[in-house]
Amino acid sequence: MPTYQMVYGDTEQVVRETFSDVEVQREDGWVVLFRGSDAILRVQEDHVHSLELVD
């Protein structure tokens, strides 16, 4: 499974995190990260500043 680096948040707080072994799905304005069958993070698309695949 790939590794992604995501920067997300609003005007008050911005978070940069790296997620290993996840699958990214976009649905109805949300970005959802899954590890296996478990959703580990769900962020509104408007709050995602960047989402990059890390080699």
PDB file of N, CA and C in Angstrom:
ATOM      1  N   MET A   1       0.847  -1.183   0.000  1.00  0.00           N
ATOM      2  CA  MET A   1       0.000   0.000   0.000  1.00  0.00           C
ATOM      3  C   MET A   1       0.892   1.247   0.000  1.00  0.00           C
ATOM      4  N   PRO A   2       0.418   2.280  -0.623  1.00  0.00           N
ATOM      5  CA  PRO A   2       1.230   3.499  -0.742  1.00  0.00           C
ATOM      6  C   PRO A   2       1.225   4.353   0.525  1.00  0.00           C
ATOM      7  N   THR A   3       2.114   5.331   0.507  1.00  0.00           N
ATOM      8  CA  THR A   3       2.228   6.326   1.578  1.00  0.00           C
ATOM      9  C   THR A   3       1.872   7.686   1.007  1.00  0.00           C
ATOM     10  N   TYR A   4       1.066   8.448   1.756  1.00  0.00           N
ATOM     11  CA  TYR A   4       0.633   9.782   1.335  1.00  0.00           C
ATOM     12  C   TYR A   4       1.006  10.809   2.388  1.00  0.00           C
ATOM     13  N   GLN A   5       1.331  12.009   1.917  1.00  0.00           N
ATOM     14  CA  GLN A   5       1.510  13.144   2.813  1.00  0.00           C
ATOM     15  C   GLN A   5       0.351  14.097   2.552  1.00  0.00           C
ATOM     16  N   MET A   6      -0.333  14.487   3.625  1.00  0.00           N
ATOM     17  CA  MET A   6      -1.514  15.335   3.498  1.00  0.00           C
ATOM     18  C   MET A   6      -1.354  16.568   4.381  1.00  0.00           C
ATOM     19  N   VAL A   7      -1.718  17.713   3.824  1.00  0.00           N
ATOM     20  CA  VAL A   7      -1.792  18.956   4.583  1.00  0.00           C
ATOM     21  C   VAL A   7      -3.254  19.364   4.561  1.00  0.00           C
ATOM     22  N   TYR A   8      -3.826  19.532   5.754  1.00  0.00           N
ATOM     23  CA  TYR A   8      -5.250  19.845   5.839  1.00  0.00           C
ATOM     24  C   TYR A   8      -5.527  20.714   7.063  1.00  0.00           C
ATOM     25  N   GLY A   9      -6.660  21.375   7.047  1.00  0.00           N
ATOM     26  CA  GLY A   9      -7.069  22.208   8.177  1.00  0.00           C
ATOM     27  C   GLY A   9      -7.822  23.432   7.700  1.00  0.00           C
ATOM     28  N   ASP A  10      -8.037  24.346   8.644  1.00  0.00           N
ATOM     29  CA  ASP A  10      -8.747  25.589   8.339  1.00  0.00           C
ATOM     30  C   ASP A  10      -7.836  26.768   8.650  1.00  0.00           C
ATOM     31  N   THR A  11      -8.391  27.944   8.746  1.00  0.00           N
ATOM     32  CA  THR A  11      -7.571  29.141   8.962  1.00  0.00           C
ATOM     33  C   THR A  11      -6.937  29.182  10.352  1.00  0.00           C
ATOM     34  N   GLU A  12      -7.483  28.443  11.311  1.00  0.00           N
ATOM     35  CA  GLU A  12      -6.956  28.457  12.674  1.00  0.00           C
ATOM     36  C   GLU A  12      -5.884  27.412  12.927  1.00  0.00           C
ATOM     37  N   GLN A  13      -5.963  26.275  12.228  1.00  0.00           N
ATOM     38  CA  GLN A  13      -4.996  25.208  12.443  1.00  0.00           C
ATOM     39  C   GLN A  13      -4.795  24.415  11.161  1.00  0.00           C
ATOM     40  N   VAL A  14      -3.541  24.204  10.809  1.00  0.00           N
ATOM     41  CA  VAL A  14      -3.194  23.401   9.642  1.00  0.00           C
ATOM     42  C   VAL A  14      -2.298  22.262  10.119  1.00  0.00           C
ATOM     43  N   VAL A  15      -2.579  21.055   9.639  1.00  0.00           N
ATOM     44  CA  VAL A  15      -1.864  19.856  10.059  1.00  0.00           C
ATOM     45  C   VAL A  15      -1.191  19.232   8.842  1.00  0.00           C
ATOM     46  N   ARG A  16       0.052  18.778   9.017  1.00  0.00           N
ATOM     47  CA  ARG A  16       0.772  18.027   7.979  1.00  0.00           C
ATOM     48  C   ARG A  16       1.042  16.644   8.568  1.00  0.00           C
ATOM     49  N   GLU A  17       0.525  15.617   7.900  1.00  0.00           N
ATOM     50  CA  GLU A  17       0.700  14.251   8.387  1.00  0.00           C
ATOM     51  C   GLU A  17       1.094  13.330   7.245  1.00  0.00           C
ATOM     52  N   THR A  18       1.814  12.277   7.584  1.00  0.00           N
ATOM     53  CA  THR A  18       2.169  11.233   6.638  1.00  0.00           C
ATOM     54  C   THR A  18       1.436   9.963   7.044  1.00  0.00           C
ATOM     55  N   PHE A  19       0.768   9.343   6.088  1.00  0.00           N
ATOM     56  CA  PHE A  19      -0.019   8.136   6.330  1.00  0.00           C
ATOM     57  C   PHE A  19       0.544   7.011   5.481  1.00  0.00           C
ATOM     58  N   SER A  20       0.946   5.925   6.136  1.00  0.00           N
ATOM     59  CA  SER A  20       1.495   4.754   5.441  1.00  0.00           C
ATOM     60  C   SER A  20       0.435   3.679   5.306  1.00  0.00           C
ATOM     61  N   ASP A  21       0.545   2.925   4.239  1.00  0.00           N
ATOM     62  CA  ASP A  21      -0.336   1.771   4.012  1.00  0.00           C
ATOM     63  C   ASP A  21      -1.807   2.160   4.021  1.00  0.00           C
ATOM     64  N   VAL A  22      -2.150   3.187   3.243  1.00  0.00           N
ATOM     65  CA  VAL A  22      -3.542   3.643   3.179  1.00  0.00           C
ATOM     66  C   VAL A  22      -4.033   3.660   1.737  1.00  0.00           C
ATOM     67  N   GLU A  23      -5.342   3.647   1.616  1.00  0.00           N
ATOM     68  CA  GLU A  23      -6.018   3.826   0.342  1.00  0.00           C
ATOM     69  C   GLU A  23      -6.829   5.114   0.446  1.00  0.00           C
ATOM     70  N   VAL A  24      -6.780   5.944  -0.575  1.00  0.00           N
ATOM     71  CA  VAL A  24      -7.508   7.216  -0.583  1.00  0.00           C
ATOM     72  C   VAL A  24      -8.744   7.074  -1.456  1.00  0.00           C
ATOM     73  N   GLN A  25      -9.870   7.519  -0.915  1.00  0.00           N
ATOM     74  CA  GLN A  25     -11.103   7.563  -1.689  1.00  0.00           C
ATOM     75  C   GLN A  25     -11.714   8.947  -1.531  1.00  0.00           C
ATOM     76  N   ARG A  26     -12.261   9.455  -2.623  1.00  0.00           N
ATOM     77  CA  ARG A  26     -12.970  10.739  -2.594  1.00  0.00           C
ATOM     78  C   ARG A  26     -14.435  10.452  -2.840  1.00  0.00           C
ATOM     79  N   GLU A  27     -15.299  10.999  -1.968  1.00  0.00           N
ATOM     80  CA  GLU A  27     -16.726  10.747  -2.102  1.00  0.00           C
ATOM     81  C   GLU A  27     -17.534  11.917  -1.549  1.00  0.00           C
ATOM     82  N   ASP A  28     -18.412  12.445  -2.369  1.00  0.00           N
ATOM     83  CA  ASP A  28     -19.352  13.501  -1.958  1.00  0.00           C
ATOM     84  C   ASP A  28     -18.694  14.666  -1.234  1.00  0.00           C
ATOM     85  N   GLY A  29     -17.544  15.131  -1.749  1.00  0.00           N
ATOM     86  CA  GLY A  29     -16.876  16.290  -1.142  1.00  0.00           C
ATOM     87  C   GLY A  29     -15.990  15.958   0.049  1.00  0.00           C
ATOM     88  N   TRP A  30     -15.733  14.681   0.279  1.00  0.00           N
ATOM     89  CA  TRP A  30     -14.884  14.245   1.387  1.00  0.00           C
ATOM     90  C   TRP A  30     -13.694  13.463   0.837  1.00  0.00           C
ATOM     91  N   VAL A  31     -12.567  13.553   1.537  1.00  0.00           N
ATOM     92  CA  VAL A  31     -11.406  12.707   1.289  1.00  0.00           C
ATOM     93  C   VAL A  31     -11.344  11.741   2.469  1.00  0.00           C
ATOM     94  N   VAL A  32     -11.362  10.451   2.171  1.00  0.00           N
ATOM     95  CA  VAL A  32     -11.379   9.432   3.217  1.00  0.00           C
ATOM     96  C   VAL A  32     -10.167   8.531   3.040  1.00  0.00           C
ATOM     97  N   LEU A  33      -9.420   8.334   4.130  1.00  0.00           N
ATOM     98  CA  LEU A  33      -8.270   7.439   4.122  1.00  0.00           C
ATOM     99  C   LEU A  33      -8.649   6.148   4.826  1.00  0.00           C
ATOM    100  N   PHE A  34      -8.394   5.031   4.153  1.00  0.00           N
ATOM    101  CA  PHE A  34      -8.702   3.715   4.696  1.00  0.00           C
ATOM    102  C   PHE A  34      -7.420   2.939   4.924  1.00  0.00           C
ATOM    103  N   ARG A  35      -7.389   2.216   6.015  1.00  0.00           N
ATOM    104  CA  ARG A  35      -6.351   1.219   6.252  1.00  0.00           C
ATOM    105  C   ARG A  35      -7.106  -0.090   6.433  1.00  0.00           C
ATOM    106  N   GLY A  36      -6.985  -0.929   5.424  1.00  0.00           N
ATOM    107  CA  GLY A  36      -7.820  -2.128   5.405  1.00  0.00           C
ATOM    108  C   GLY A  36      -9.268  -1.710   5.187  1.00  0.00           C
ATOM    109  N   SER A  37     -10.148  -2.223   6.007  1.00  0.00           N
ATOM    110  CA  SER A  37     -11.564  -1.843   5.892  1.00  0.00           C
ATOM    111  C   SER A  37     -11.947  -0.717   6.840  1.00  0.00           C
ATOM    112  N   ASP A  38     -10.978  -0.197   7.609  1.00  0.00           N
ATOM    113  CA  ASP A  38     -11.244   0.868   8.588  1.00  0.00           C
ATOM    114  C   ASP A  38     -10.941   2.244   8.016  1.00  0.00           C
ATOM    115  N   ALA A  39     -11.887   3.165   8.142  1.00  0.00           N
ATOM    116  CA  ALA A  39     -11.637   4.563   7.780  1.00  0.00           C
ATOM    117  C   ALA A  39     -10.857   5.193   8.929  1.00  0.00           C
ATOM    118  N   ILE A  40      -9.651   5.703   8.637  1.00  0.00           N
ATOM    119  CA  ILE A  40      -8.833   6.279   9.705  1.00  0.00           C
ATOM    120  C   ILE A  40      -8.873   7.797   9.732  1.00  0.00           C
ATOM    121  N   LEU A  41      -9.318   8.418   8.622  1.00  0.00           N
ATOM    122  CA  LEU A  41      -9.431   9.875   8.580  1.00  0.00           C
ATOM    123  C   LEU A  41     -10.436  10.257   7.513  1.00  0.00           C
ATOM    124  N   ARG A  42     -11.265  11.236   7.852  1.00  0.00           N
ATOM    125  CA  ARG A  42     -12.249  11.763   6.900  1.00  0.00           C
ATOM    126  C   ARG A  42     -12.204  13.278   6.992  1.00  0.00           C
ATOM    127  N   VAL A  43     -11.866  13.933   5.885  1.00  0.00           N
ATOM    128  CA  VAL A  43     -11.688  15.386   5.857  1.00  0.00           C
ATOM    129  C   VAL A  43     -12.485  15.948   4.683  1.00  0.00           C
ATOM    130  N   GLN A  44     -13.170  17.070   4.916  1.00  0.00           N
ATOM    131  CA  GLN A  44     -13.869  17.718   3.815  1.00  0.00           C
ATOM    132  C   GLN A  44     -12.848  18.173   2.780  1.00  0.00           C
ATOM    133  N   GLU A  45     -13.189  17.959   1.523  1.00  0.00           N
ATOM    134  CA  GLU A  45     -12.295  18.312   0.409  1.00  0.00           C
ATOM    135  C   GLU A  45     -11.842  19.779   0.489  1.00  0.00           C
ATOM    136  N   ASP A  46     -12.710  20.676   0.924  1.00  0.00           N
ATOM    137  CA  ASP A  46     -12.373  22.100   1.028  1.00  0.00           C
ATOM    138  C   ASP A  46     -11.236  22.366   2.018  1.00  0.00           C
ATOM    139  N   HIS A  47     -11.020  21.465   2.969  1.00  0.00           N
ATOM    140  CA  HIS A  47      -9.992  21.657   3.996  1.00  0.00           C
ATOM    141  C   HIS A  47      -8.668  20.985   3.643  1.00  0.00           C
ATOM    142  N   VAL A  48      -8.627  20.269   2.526  1.00  0.00           N
ATOM    143  CA  VAL A  48      -7.390  19.597   2.100  1.00  0.00           C
ATOM    144  C   VAL A  48      -6.583  20.575   1.260  1.00  0.00           C
ATOM    145  N   HIS A  49      -5.414  20.957   1.760  1.00  0.00           N
ATOM    146  CA  HIS A  49      -4.523  21.884   1.048  1.00  0.00           C
ATOM    147  C   HIS A  49      -3.678  21.139   0.018  1.00  0.00           C
ATOM    148  N   SER A  50      -3.215  19.940   0.405  1.00  0.00           N
ATOM    149  CA  SER A  50      -2.468  19.109  -0.542  1.00  0.00           C
ATOM    150  C   SER A  50      -2.537  17.656  -0.105  1.00  0.00           C
ATOM    151  N   LEU A  51      -2.427  16.793  -1.090  1.00  0.00           N
ATOM    152  CA  LEU A  51      -2.399  15.353  -0.868  1.00  0.00           C
ATOM    153  C   LEU A  51      -1.448  14.771  -1.907  1.00  0.00           C
ATOM    154  N   GLU A  52      -0.302  14.277  -1.445  1.00  0.00           N
ATOM    155  CA  GLU A  52       0.736  13.820  -2.358  1.00  0.00           C
ATOM    156  C   GLU A  52       1.134  12.386  -2.058  1.00  0.00           C
ATOM    157  N   LEU A  53       1.331  11.623  -3.105  1.00  0.00           N
ATOM    158  CA  LEU A  53       1.858  10.272  -2.986  1.00  0.00           C
ATOM    159  C   LEU A  53       3.357  10.380  -2.752  1.00  0.00           C
ATOM    160  N   VAL A  54       3.847   9.696  -1.711  1.00  0.00           N
ATOM    161  CA  VAL A  54       5.268   9.725  -1.364  1.00  0.00           C
ATOM    162  C   VAL A  54       5.900   8.449  -1.880  1.00  0.00           C
ATOM    163  N   ASP A  55       6.991   8.590  -2.626  1.00  0.00           N
ATOM    164  CA  ASP A  55       7.687   7.399  -3.164  1.00  0.00           C
ATOM    165  C   ASP A  55       8.523   6.735  -2.111  1.00  0.00           C
TER     166      ASP A  55
END
